[in-house]
Amino acid sequence: MNIEELREFCLGFKGITEETPFGPEHLVYKVMGKMYALVPLDNEFPQVVLKNTPAKNEFLRNEYSYINEAYHFNKVHWISVDNTLKNPALVRELISESYGLVKKGLPRKLQAELDEPAP
């Protein structure tokens, strides 16, 4: 996935905002105010930082050479997919899982808002 495909996919979920709290070189995607993805814009290859379970993150880091601990993030809960061009299907799956995990951690009222059908 290139940067535009990453951006489009990250914005495709309900309740998403795109922000730049760390400066214009990092796009941050939040669901109801909670970050679930970060896309650096200044890397050689498209990259995305995502949240997942500790067990899944350990598996991914051991299985894929381009998935590592996320720099400046909790190393147990966050991973960095350092080249999203290698496996776009996996990247979409991991973005969806990150969104779902962060959504699951929201208060029930906000989760209910996200689960309501669009008008």
C-alpha atoms as a PDB file:
ATOM      1  CA  MET A   1       0.000   0.000   0.000  1.00  0.00           C
ATOM      2  CA  ASN A   2       1.297   3.428  -0.856  1.00  0.00           C
ATOM      3  CA  ILE A   3       0.726   6.509   1.319  1.00  0.00           C
ATOM      4  CA  GLU A   4      -2.526   7.500  -0.414  1.00  0.00           C
ATOM      5  CA  GLU A   5      -3.929   3.968  -0.102  1.00  0.00           C
ATOM      6  CA  LEU A   6      -2.946   3.897   3.591  1.00  0.00           C
ATOM      7  CA  ARG A   7      -4.628   7.246   4.173  1.00  0.00           C
ATOM      8  CA  GLU A   8      -7.802   6.251   2.339  1.00  0.00           C
ATOM      9  CA  PHE A   9      -8.072   2.928   4.158  1.00  0.00           C
ATOM     10  CA  CYS A  10      -7.445   4.481   7.597  1.00  0.00           C
ATOM     11  CA  LEU A  11     -10.141   7.106   6.961  1.00  0.00           C
ATOM     12  CA  GLY A  12     -12.630   4.458   5.819  1.00  0.00           C
ATOM     13  CA  PHE A  13     -13.798   3.498   9.299  1.00  0.00           C
ATOM     14  CA  LYS A  14     -16.557   5.201  11.248  1.00  0.00           C
ATOM     15  CA  GLY A  15     -15.643   7.902  13.788  1.00  0.00           C
ATOM     16  CA  ILE A  16     -12.182   8.640  12.359  1.00  0.00           C
ATOM     17  CA  THR A  17     -10.235  11.870  12.428  1.00  0.00           C
ATOM     18  CA  GLU A  18      -6.914  12.584  10.748  1.00  0.00           C
ATOM     19  CA  GLU A  19      -4.618  14.835  12.749  1.00  0.00           C
ATOM     20  CA  THR A  20      -1.000  15.998  12.855  1.00  0.00           C
ATOM     21  CA  PRO A  21      -0.259  16.419  16.601  1.00  0.00           C
ATOM     22  CA  PHE A  22       3.408  15.430  16.137  1.00  0.00           C
ATOM     23  CA  GLY A  23       3.987  17.797  13.230  1.00  0.00           C
ATOM     24  CA  PRO A  24       3.193  17.747   9.519  1.00  0.00           C
ATOM     25  CA  GLU A  25       5.462  14.754   8.864  1.00  0.00           C
ATOM     26  CA  HIS A  26       3.179  12.313  10.763  1.00  0.00           C
ATOM     27  CA  LEU A  27      -0.482  11.582  10.025  1.00  0.00           C
ATOM     28  CA  VAL A  28      -2.317  10.300  13.103  1.00  0.00           C
ATOM     29  CA  TYR A  29      -5.630   8.472  12.807  1.00  0.00           C
ATOM     30  CA  LYS A  30      -7.937   8.432  15.797  1.00  0.00           C
ATOM     31  CA  VAL A  31     -11.221   6.728  16.501  1.00  0.00           C
ATOM     32  CA  MET A  32     -13.323   8.924  18.781  1.00  0.00           C
ATOM     33  CA  GLY A  33     -10.162  10.691  19.976  1.00  0.00           C
ATOM     34  CA  LYS A  34      -7.994   7.588  20.554  1.00  0.00           C
ATOM     35  CA  MET A  35      -5.067   6.892  18.242  1.00  0.00           C
ATOM     36  CA  TYR A  36      -5.109   3.646  16.311  1.00  0.00           C
ATOM     37  CA  ALA A  37      -2.623   4.374  13.496  1.00  0.00           C
ATOM     38  CA  LEU A  38       0.290   6.660  12.711  1.00  0.00           C
ATOM     39  CA  VAL A  39       1.715   7.120   9.220  1.00  0.00           C
ATOM     40  CA  PRO A  40       5.114   8.826   8.915  1.00  0.00           C
ATOM     41  CA  LEU A  41       5.424  10.768   5.676  1.00  0.00           C
ATOM     42  CA  ASP A  42       9.211  11.101   5.552  1.00  0.00           C
ATOM     43  CA  ASN A  43      10.316   7.465   5.135  1.00  0.00           C
ATOM     44  CA  GLU A  44      11.836   5.805   2.096  1.00  0.00           C
ATOM     45  CA  PHE A  45       9.032   3.221   2.041  1.00  0.00           C
ATOM     46  CA  PRO A  46       5.427   3.680   3.250  1.00  0.00           C
ATOM     47  CA  GLN A  47       5.193   2.791   6.936  1.00  0.00           C
ATOM     48  CA  VAL A  48       2.394   2.494   9.487  1.00  0.00           C
ATOM     49  CA  VAL A  49       2.434   2.136  13.277  1.00  0.00           C
ATOM     50  CA  LEU A  50      -0.442   0.074  14.706  1.00  0.00           C
ATOM     51  CA  LYS A  51      -1.775  -1.352  17.950  1.00  0.00           C
ATOM     52  CA  ASN A  52      -2.418  -5.042  18.546  1.00  0.00           C
ATOM     53  CA  THR A  53      -2.301  -7.635  21.308  1.00  0.00           C
ATOM     54  CA  PRO A  54       1.079  -8.506  22.817  1.00  0.00           C
ATOM     55  CA  ALA A  55       0.865 -12.121  21.582  1.00  0.00           C
ATOM     56  CA  LYS A  56      -0.041 -11.114  18.027  1.00  0.00           C
ATOM     57  CA  ASN A  57       2.689  -8.469  17.966  1.00  0.00           C
ATOM     58  CA  GLU A  58       5.312 -10.979  19.078  1.00  0.00           C
ATOM     59  CA  PHE A  59       4.159 -13.419  16.395  1.00  0.00           C
ATOM     60  CA  LEU A  60       4.241 -10.726  13.695  1.00  0.00           C
ATOM     61  CA  ARG A  61       7.736  -9.523  14.674  1.00  0.00           C
ATOM     62  CA  ASN A  62       9.026 -13.108  14.533  1.00  0.00           C
ATOM     63  CA  GLU A  63       7.251 -13.928  11.262  1.00  0.00           C
ATOM     64  CA  TYR A  64       7.928 -10.811   9.140  1.00  0.00           C
ATOM     65  CA  SER A  65      11.286  -9.055   8.859  1.00  0.00           C
ATOM     66  CA  TYR A  66       9.589  -5.731   8.016  1.00  0.00           C
ATOM     67  CA  ILE A  67       7.452  -5.682  11.184  1.00  0.00           C
ATOM     68  CA  ASN A  68       9.265  -4.342  14.254  1.00  0.00           C
ATOM     69  CA  GLU A  69       8.722  -2.679  17.589  1.00  0.00           C
ATOM     70  CA  ALA A  70       7.373   0.833  17.126  1.00  0.00           C
ATOM     71  CA  TYR A  71       9.892   3.549  17.932  1.00  0.00           C
ATOM     72  CA  HIS A  72       8.698   5.897  20.736  1.00  0.00           C
ATOM     73  CA  PHE A  73       5.673   3.656  21.491  1.00  0.00           C
ATOM     74  CA  ASN A  74       4.954   0.957  24.034  1.00  0.00           C
ATOM     75  CA  LYS A  75       6.915  -1.931  22.500  1.00  0.00           C
ATOM     76  CA  VAL A  76       4.456  -4.561  23.769  1.00  0.00           C
ATOM     77  CA  HIS A  77       1.295  -3.044  22.292  1.00  0.00           C
ATOM     78  CA  TRP A  78       2.498  -1.224  19.166  1.00  0.00           C
ATOM     79  CA  ILE A  79       4.264  -2.422  16.023  1.00  0.00           C
ATOM     80  CA  SER A  80       5.732  -0.709  13.012  1.00  0.00           C
ATOM     81  CA  VAL A  81       5.089  -2.154   9.565  1.00  0.00           C
ATOM     82  CA  ASP A  82       8.185  -0.707   7.935  1.00  0.00           C
ATOM     83  CA  ASN A  83       7.294  -1.411   4.321  1.00  0.00           C
ATOM     84  CA  THR A  84       3.575  -1.549   3.534  1.00  0.00           C
ATOM     85  CA  LEU A  85       4.296  -2.342  -0.118  1.00  0.00           C
ATOM     86  CA  LYS A  86       5.368  -5.897   0.763  1.00  0.00           C
ATOM     87  CA  ASN A  87       1.975  -7.282   1.825  1.00  0.00           C
ATOM     88  CA  PRO A  88      -0.990  -4.881   1.353  1.00  0.00           C
ATOM     89  CA  ALA A  89      -3.562  -7.510   2.390  1.00  0.00           C
ATOM     90  CA  LEU A  90      -1.783  -8.043   5.720  1.00  0.00           C
ATOM     91  CA  VAL A  91      -1.521  -4.278   6.228  1.00  0.00           C
ATOM     92  CA  ARG A  92      -5.295  -3.846   5.705  1.00  0.00           C
ATOM     93  CA  GLU A  93      -5.946  -6.689   8.160  1.00  0.00           C
ATOM     94  CA  LEU A  94      -3.650  -5.154  10.783  1.00  0.00           C
ATOM     95  CA  ILE A  95      -5.173  -1.682  10.359  1.00  0.00           C
ATOM     96  CA  SER A  96      -8.653  -3.193  10.831  1.00  0.00           C
ATOM     97  CA  GLU A  97      -7.494  -5.076  13.933  1.00  0.00           C
ATOM     98  CA  SER A  98      -5.924  -1.926  15.393  1.00  0.00           C
ATOM     99  CA  TYR A  99      -9.145   0.018  14.810  1.00  0.00           C
ATOM    100  CA  GLY A 100     -11.201  -2.782  16.397  1.00  0.00           C
ATOM    101  CA  LEU A 101      -8.916  -3.066  19.417  1.00  0.00           C
ATOM    102  CA  VAL A 102      -8.979   0.672  20.115  1.00  0.00           C
ATOM    103  CA  LYS A 103     -12.759   0.799  19.517  1.00  0.00           C
ATOM    104  CA  LYS A 104     -13.217  -2.053  21.994  1.00  0.00           C
ATOM    105  CA  GLY A 105     -11.391   0.010  24.629  1.00  0.00           C
ATOM    106  CA  LEU A 106     -13.748   2.981  24.271  1.00  0.00           C
ATOM    107  CA  PRO A 107     -16.599   3.601  26.709  1.00  0.00           C
ATOM    108  CA  ARG A 108     -19.748   1.650  25.816  1.00  0.00           C
ATOM    109  CA  LYS A 109     -21.633   4.805  24.858  1.00  0.00           C
ATOM    110  CA  LEU A 110     -19.021   5.680  22.217  1.00  0.00           C
ATOM    111  CA  GLN A 111     -18.907   2.084  20.990  1.00  0.00           C
ATOM    112  CA  ALA A 112     -22.691   2.186  20.582  1.00  0.00           C
ATOM    113  CA  GLU A 113     -22.408   5.393  18.524  1.00  0.00           C
ATOM    114  CA  LEU A 114     -19.929   3.698  16.213  1.00  0.00           C
ATOM    115  CA  ASP A 115     -22.170   0.648  15.859  1.00  0.00           C
ATOM    116  CA  GLU A 116     -25.211   2.686  14.833  1.00  0.00           C
ATOM    117  CA  PRO A 117     -26.025   2.467  11.120  1.00  0.00           C
ATOM    118  CA  ALA A 118     -25.262   5.559   9.065  1.00  0.00           C
ATOM    119  CA  PRO A 119     -28.331   7.704   8.255  1.00  0.00           C
END
